[in-house]
Amino acid sequence: MDNKTTWVKSVWTLMILTTFFAFPYETFAQEGATKLSPAEFDVKAHKGKKAVIIDIRTPEETAEGYIEGATFINWTGGNFEEEVSKLNKKKTYYVYCRSAKRTIPATEKMKELGFTKIYMLEGGLNNWVESGKPLIKPEN
């Protein structure tokens, strides 16, 4: 190898490493919807006729309490895509689960299905409760 080939390889290696460290994996990973704090979520999700709150937790979880006005579509129930496809894409959706882990893939799926106005509760219902926000307890 001559000096020019070595130099070109060194430059390419440096460029690749710079890109890798300058733009970590999280930059390229999908993030789901825009995250809202419990206070922002509460105000925006309860404002206007076009706002729809979606609780994607299991029926057992929702039985423990939920955010007022929530519509229930179980992410793990096997028919999430079918149920979400029935919704009006012109409305604005506010989605949450217990810790926000399921919310990211659920909102990514909604985006794939053509929904454009989607927000998620940062930290999920756990964060909502820790922030002192109220839950509706279903009657037994």
Protein backbone atom coordinates (compact mmCIF):
# COMPACT_ATOMS: atom_id res chain seq x y z
CA MET A 1 0.00 0.00 0.00
CA ASP A 2 1.20 3.47 -0.76
CA ASN A 3 0.89 6.51 1.47
CA LYS A 4 -2.09 7.88 -0.45
CA THR A 5 -4.14 4.65 0.06
CA THR A 6 -3.26 4.58 3.76
CA TRP A 7 -4.22 8.25 4.08
CA VAL A 8 -7.61 7.70 2.34
CA LYS A 9 -8.40 4.72 4.59
CA SER A 10 -7.49 6.75 7.65
CA VAL A 11 -9.75 9.61 6.59
CA TRP A 12 -12.67 7.24 5.93
CA THR A 13 -12.18 5.52 9.27
CA LEU A 14 -12.09 8.89 11.02
CA MET A 15 -15.27 10.03 9.23
CA ILE A 16 -17.13 6.84 10.18
CA LEU A 17 -16.05 7.05 13.81
CA THR A 18 -16.93 10.75 13.97
CA THR A 19 -20.40 10.03 12.61
CA PHE A 20 -20.89 7.16 15.04
CA PHE A 21 -19.94 9.21 18.09
CA ALA A 22 -21.51 12.48 16.97
CA PHE A 23 -24.87 10.83 16.23
CA PRO A 24 -25.49 8.05 18.75
CA TYR A 25 -28.03 5.26 18.15
CA GLU A 26 -30.80 7.17 19.90
CA THR A 27 -30.70 9.78 17.16
CA PHE A 28 -31.61 7.18 14.57
CA ALA A 29 -34.04 5.16 16.70
CA GLN A 30 -37.70 6.00 16.39
CA GLU A 31 -39.09 7.81 19.37
CA GLY A 32 -42.81 7.45 18.91
CA ALA A 33 -44.86 10.59 19.43
CA THR A 34 -43.98 13.93 20.97
CA LYS A 35 -43.74 13.57 24.74
CA LEU A 36 -45.82 15.78 27.03
CA SER A 37 -45.37 16.26 30.75
CA PRO A 38 -48.36 15.28 32.91
CA ALA A 39 -49.37 18.95 33.22
CA GLU A 40 -49.18 19.53 29.44
CA PHE A 41 -50.93 16.23 28.70
CA ASP A 42 -53.75 17.06 31.13
CA VAL A 43 -54.42 20.49 29.63
CA LYS A 44 -54.13 19.54 25.96
CA ALA A 45 -55.88 16.16 26.16
CA HIS A 46 -58.92 17.64 27.86
CA LYS A 47 -59.25 20.57 25.45
CA GLY A 48 -61.57 20.52 22.48
CA LYS A 49 -63.69 18.00 20.61
CA LYS A 50 -60.78 16.82 18.47
CA ALA A 51 -58.75 15.59 21.46
CA VAL A 52 -58.95 11.84 22.16
CA ILE A 53 -57.19 10.14 25.07
CA ILE A 54 -56.19 6.52 24.45
CA ASP A 55 -55.23 4.19 27.28
CA ILE A 56 -53.36 1.26 25.75
CA ARG A 57 -53.01 -0.79 28.94
CA THR A 58 -54.60 -4.17 29.62
CA PRO A 59 -58.12 -4.43 31.11
CA GLU A 60 -56.55 -5.55 34.41
CA GLU A 61 -54.42 -2.41 34.50
CA THR A 62 -57.25 -0.05 33.58
CA ALA A 63 -59.35 -1.57 36.38
CA GLU A 64 -56.87 -0.02 38.83
CA GLY A 65 -57.63 3.50 37.55
CA TYR A 66 -57.34 5.61 34.41
CA ILE A 67 -57.28 9.20 33.16
CA GLU A 68 -60.69 10.80 32.86
CA GLY A 69 -62.16 10.55 29.36
CA ALA A 70 -59.87 7.73 28.20
CA THR A 71 -60.77 5.33 25.43
CA PHE A 72 -59.34 1.85 25.94
CA ILE A 73 -57.45 0.04 23.18
CA ASN A 74 -55.25 -2.72 24.58
CA TRP A 75 -51.83 -2.69 22.88
CA THR A 76 -51.22 -6.34 23.78
CA GLY A 77 -54.76 -7.52 23.02
CA GLY A 78 -54.02 -8.71 19.50
CA ASN A 79 -56.32 -6.29 17.66
CA PHE A 80 -54.67 -2.90 18.30
CA GLU A 81 -54.09 -2.12 14.62
CA GLU A 82 -57.67 -3.07 13.72
CA GLU A 83 -59.17 -0.96 16.52
CA VAL A 84 -56.94 2.07 15.86
CA SER A 85 -57.74 1.91 12.14
CA LYS A 86 -61.38 2.67 13.01
CA LEU A 87 -60.41 6.05 14.51
CA ASN A 88 -60.71 9.40 12.74
CA LYS A 89 -57.23 10.42 11.54
CA LYS A 90 -58.19 14.09 11.64
CA LYS A 91 -58.41 14.10 15.44
CA THR A 92 -55.55 14.62 17.89
CA TYR A 93 -54.58 11.60 19.99
CA TYR A 94 -53.05 11.54 23.46
CA VAL A 95 -51.73 8.06 24.22
CA TYR A 96 -50.50 6.52 27.45
CA CYS A 97 -49.67 3.25 29.18
CA ARG A 98 -48.19 2.54 32.61
CA SER A 99 -44.57 3.55 32.01
CA ALA A 100 -44.50 4.76 28.35
CA LYS A 101 -42.64 1.66 27.10
CA ARG A 102 -45.64 0.39 25.12
CA THR A 103 -46.60 3.90 24.06
CA ILE A 104 -43.57 4.31 21.79
CA PRO A 105 -44.32 1.29 19.55
CA ALA A 106 -48.05 2.01 19.69
CA THR A 107 -47.61 5.59 18.48
CA GLU A 108 -45.12 4.44 15.84
CA LYS A 109 -47.79 2.02 14.58
CA MET A 110 -50.33 4.86 14.53
CA LYS A 111 -47.93 6.96 12.44
CA GLU A 112 -47.51 4.05 10.01
CA LEU A 113 -51.31 3.93 9.71
CA GLY A 114 -51.46 7.61 8.73
CA PHE A 115 -52.15 9.40 12.02
CA THR A 116 -50.29 12.70 12.23
CA LYS A 117 -51.41 14.38 15.45
CA ILE A 118 -50.21 12.05 18.22
CA TYR A 119 -48.78 12.87 21.65
CA MET A 120 -47.66 10.63 24.46
CA LEU A 121 -47.62 11.00 28.23
CA GLU A 122 -43.98 11.22 29.28
CA GLY A 123 -43.27 8.51 31.84
CA GLY A 124 -46.74 7.07 31.42
CA LEU A 125 -49.38 6.75 34.12
CA ASN A 126 -46.68 6.24 36.76
CA ASN A 127 -45.46 9.79 36.09
CA TRP A 128 -49.07 11.06 36.04
CA VAL A 129 -49.71 9.66 39.53
CA GLU A 130 -46.33 10.86 40.88
CA SER A 131 -47.25 14.36 39.63
CA GLY A 132 -50.39 14.31 41.79
CA LYS A 133 -52.82 14.01 38.90
CA PRO A 134 -56.13 12.25 39.59
CA LEU A 135 -57.26 8.84 38.39
CA ILE A 136 -60.78 7.66 37.79
CA LYS A 137 -61.47 4.44 39.70
CA PRO A 138 -64.01 2.22 37.97
CA GLU A 139 -67.02 1.13 39.95
CA ASN A 140 -67.02 -2.58 40.76
